[in-house]
Amino acid sequence: MIVEQIVTNIENMEKAEVEKRHIEKVYLESADLVKRIQRVKTDHNNEIGIRLKDPRDLVAGDVLYMDDKNMIVIDVLSDDLLVIKPHSLKEMGTIAHQLGNRHLPAQFEGDEMLVQYDYLVEELLQDLQIPYVREERKVKQAFRHIGHSHD
């Protein structure tokens, strides 16, 4: 099977519509969510080709296939993350500036800043005394590097 477009996202479906179908999952690393063309296997060992026509990233919960009884859904493997929990706007600004200088992508969930684990960032957080925890967590989207040059 070759998937060329996403049917929907499971979060946009009514609970009853999801529950009446058998769900087969494709587990991807967050870095693979940006790939428009790839070959994957489901948790039932079925091979699927993904060749998206639209220039978009995959997102956790994307439905690759659906009929009356079955659906194939994207799920994301956990990432090794630093979950940064600043106490103040000043701490948030300080760490955001430092990470921006390093061109590190970040995501936000509530009052938490998420970055992929890096021992240098962990040392920086310790030096600046900014609260954080290291944990395995699933993210819905890929960490995207933003192209930038210092011209």
Protein backbone atom coordinates (compact mmCIF):
# COMPACT_ATOMS: atom_id res chain seq x y z
CA MET A 1 0.00 0.00 0.00
CA ILE A 2 1.22 3.51 -0.82
CA VAL A 3 -0.25 6.40 1.16
CA GLU A 4 -0.28 9.74 -0.68
CA GLN A 5 -2.42 11.78 1.70
CA ILE A 6 -3.46 11.81 5.33
CA VAL A 7 -7.09 10.80 5.88
CA THR A 8 -7.52 12.81 9.11
CA ASN A 9 -6.04 12.97 12.57
CA ILE A 10 -7.44 10.73 15.28
CA GLU A 11 -7.92 13.79 17.54
CA ASN A 12 -10.41 15.19 15.00
CA MET A 13 -12.57 12.06 15.15
CA GLU A 14 -15.40 11.27 17.51
CA LYS A 15 -14.49 8.71 20.17
CA ALA A 16 -17.17 6.26 18.95
CA GLU A 17 -15.79 6.41 15.39
CA VAL A 18 -12.32 5.49 16.64
CA GLU A 19 -13.47 2.77 19.04
CA LYS A 20 -15.44 0.86 16.40
CA ARG A 21 -12.25 0.26 14.37
CA HIS A 22 -9.25 -1.96 14.90
CA ILE A 23 -6.17 0.31 15.16
CA GLU A 24 -2.88 -0.68 13.62
CA LYS A 25 0.02 1.64 14.45
CA VAL A 26 3.14 2.86 12.69
CA TYR A 27 5.74 3.87 15.28
CA LEU A 28 8.12 6.59 14.10
CA GLU A 29 10.95 8.49 15.70
CA SER A 30 10.13 12.20 15.91
CA ALA A 31 12.88 12.95 13.35
CA ASP A 32 11.04 10.78 10.78
CA LEU A 33 7.89 12.93 11.00
CA VAL A 34 9.47 15.41 8.56
CA LYS A 35 10.03 12.79 5.84
CA ARG A 36 7.40 12.96 3.09
CA ILE A 37 8.69 9.78 1.43
CA GLN A 38 9.49 6.70 3.46
CA ARG A 39 8.83 2.99 3.84
CA VAL A 40 7.45 1.92 7.23
CA LYS A 41 6.09 -1.18 8.98
CA THR A 42 3.04 -1.34 11.20
CA ASP A 43 2.92 -3.09 14.55
CA HIS A 44 1.23 -5.94 12.62
CA ASN A 45 4.30 -6.17 10.36
CA ASN A 46 2.53 -4.78 7.29
CA GLU A 47 4.74 -2.68 5.04
CA ILE A 48 3.47 0.72 3.87
CA GLY A 49 4.99 3.26 1.55
CA ILE A 50 4.38 6.90 2.43
CA ARG A 51 4.67 9.41 -0.42
CA LEU A 52 2.77 12.52 0.61
CA LYS A 53 1.66 14.83 -2.20
CA ASP A 54 1.28 17.81 0.15
CA PRO A 55 4.40 19.38 1.65
CA ARG A 56 3.55 18.73 5.30
CA ASP A 57 5.06 16.95 8.25
CA LEU A 58 3.44 13.91 9.78
CA VAL A 59 1.94 14.39 13.24
CA ALA A 60 1.19 11.86 15.97
CA GLY A 61 -2.37 10.64 15.43
CA ASP A 62 -2.37 11.07 11.65
CA VAL A 63 -4.55 8.41 10.02
CA LEU A 64 -2.82 6.86 7.00
CA TYR A 65 -5.67 4.50 6.10
CA MET A 66 -9.23 3.95 7.26
CA ASP A 67 -12.15 1.78 6.27
CA ASP A 68 -15.26 0.68 8.18
CA LYS A 69 -13.35 -1.81 10.38
CA ASN A 70 -9.69 -0.78 10.43
CA MET A 71 -7.38 2.19 10.58
CA ILE A 72 -3.63 2.73 10.44
CA VAL A 73 -2.38 5.54 12.69
CA ILE A 74 0.97 7.27 13.22
CA ASP A 75 2.38 7.07 16.73
CA VAL A 76 5.67 8.56 17.91
CA LEU A 77 8.38 6.89 19.93
CA SER A 78 9.55 8.65 23.07
CA ASP A 79 12.43 11.13 22.84
CA ASP A 80 15.14 11.77 25.40
CA LEU A 81 14.21 15.32 26.43
CA LEU A 82 15.18 18.12 28.73
CA VAL A 83 11.96 19.52 30.12
CA ILE A 84 12.77 23.08 31.19
CA LYS A 85 10.54 24.66 33.83
CA PRO A 86 11.64 28.26 34.42
CA HIS A 87 10.33 30.05 37.51
CA SER A 88 10.19 33.48 35.91
CA LEU A 89 10.00 35.34 32.64
CA LYS A 90 13.64 36.33 33.13
CA GLU A 91 14.72 32.67 33.38
CA MET A 92 12.64 31.82 30.29
CA GLY A 93 14.17 34.70 28.35
CA THR A 94 17.69 33.76 29.42
CA ILE A 95 17.44 30.12 28.38
CA ALA A 96 15.49 30.91 25.19
CA HIS A 97 18.24 33.35 24.18
CA GLN A 98 20.98 30.80 24.94
CA LEU A 99 19.21 28.03 22.99
CA GLY A 100 18.48 30.41 20.11
CA ASN A 101 22.17 31.24 19.86
CA ARG A 102 22.80 27.52 19.45
CA HIS A 103 20.01 27.20 16.87
CA LEU A 104 18.40 24.44 18.93
CA PRO A 105 14.75 23.75 18.16
CA ALA A 106 12.35 23.79 21.08
CA GLN A 107 8.71 22.96 21.62
CA PHE A 108 6.33 24.23 24.27
CA GLU A 109 3.71 22.37 26.29
CA GLY A 110 1.97 24.54 28.83
CA ASP A 111 4.69 26.32 30.83
CA GLU A 112 7.35 23.78 29.82
CA MET A 113 10.01 24.16 27.16
CA LEU A 114 11.08 20.88 25.57
CA VAL A 115 14.45 20.35 23.87
CA GLN A 116 16.13 17.15 22.79
CA TYR A 117 18.71 15.99 25.31
CA ASP A 118 22.17 17.50 24.94
CA TYR A 119 24.74 17.30 27.72
CA LEU A 120 25.97 20.83 26.97
CA VAL A 121 22.46 22.22 27.38
CA GLU A 122 22.10 20.25 30.60
CA GLU A 123 25.35 21.81 31.89
CA LEU A 124 24.11 25.27 30.86
CA LEU A 125 20.84 24.76 32.75
CA GLN A 126 22.78 23.68 35.83
CA ASP A 127 25.13 26.68 35.57
CA LEU A 128 22.19 29.10 35.18
CA GLN A 129 20.27 27.29 37.95
CA ILE A 130 17.20 26.97 35.74
CA PRO A 131 14.97 24.08 36.85
CA TYR A 132 14.65 21.15 34.46
CA VAL A 133 14.17 17.40 34.37
CA ARG A 134 15.44 14.84 31.91
CA GLU A 135 12.73 12.43 30.80
CA GLU A 136 11.53 10.18 28.03
CA ARG A 137 8.44 11.75 26.49
CA LYS A 138 6.48 11.54 23.27
CA VAL A 139 6.18 14.72 21.22
CA LYS A 140 3.45 15.23 18.64
CA GLN A 141 5.63 17.00 16.10
CA ALA A 142 9.20 16.78 14.90
CA PHE A 143 11.81 19.11 16.32
CA ARG A 144 12.38 21.38 13.33
CA HIS A 145 15.62 23.19 12.74
CA ILE A 146 15.00 26.64 11.33
CA GLY A 147 17.40 27.66 8.59
CA HIS A 148 19.28 30.84 9.47
CA SER A 149 22.51 32.56 8.58
CA HIS A 150 24.42 35.37 10.24
CA ASP A 151 25.00 37.54 7.17
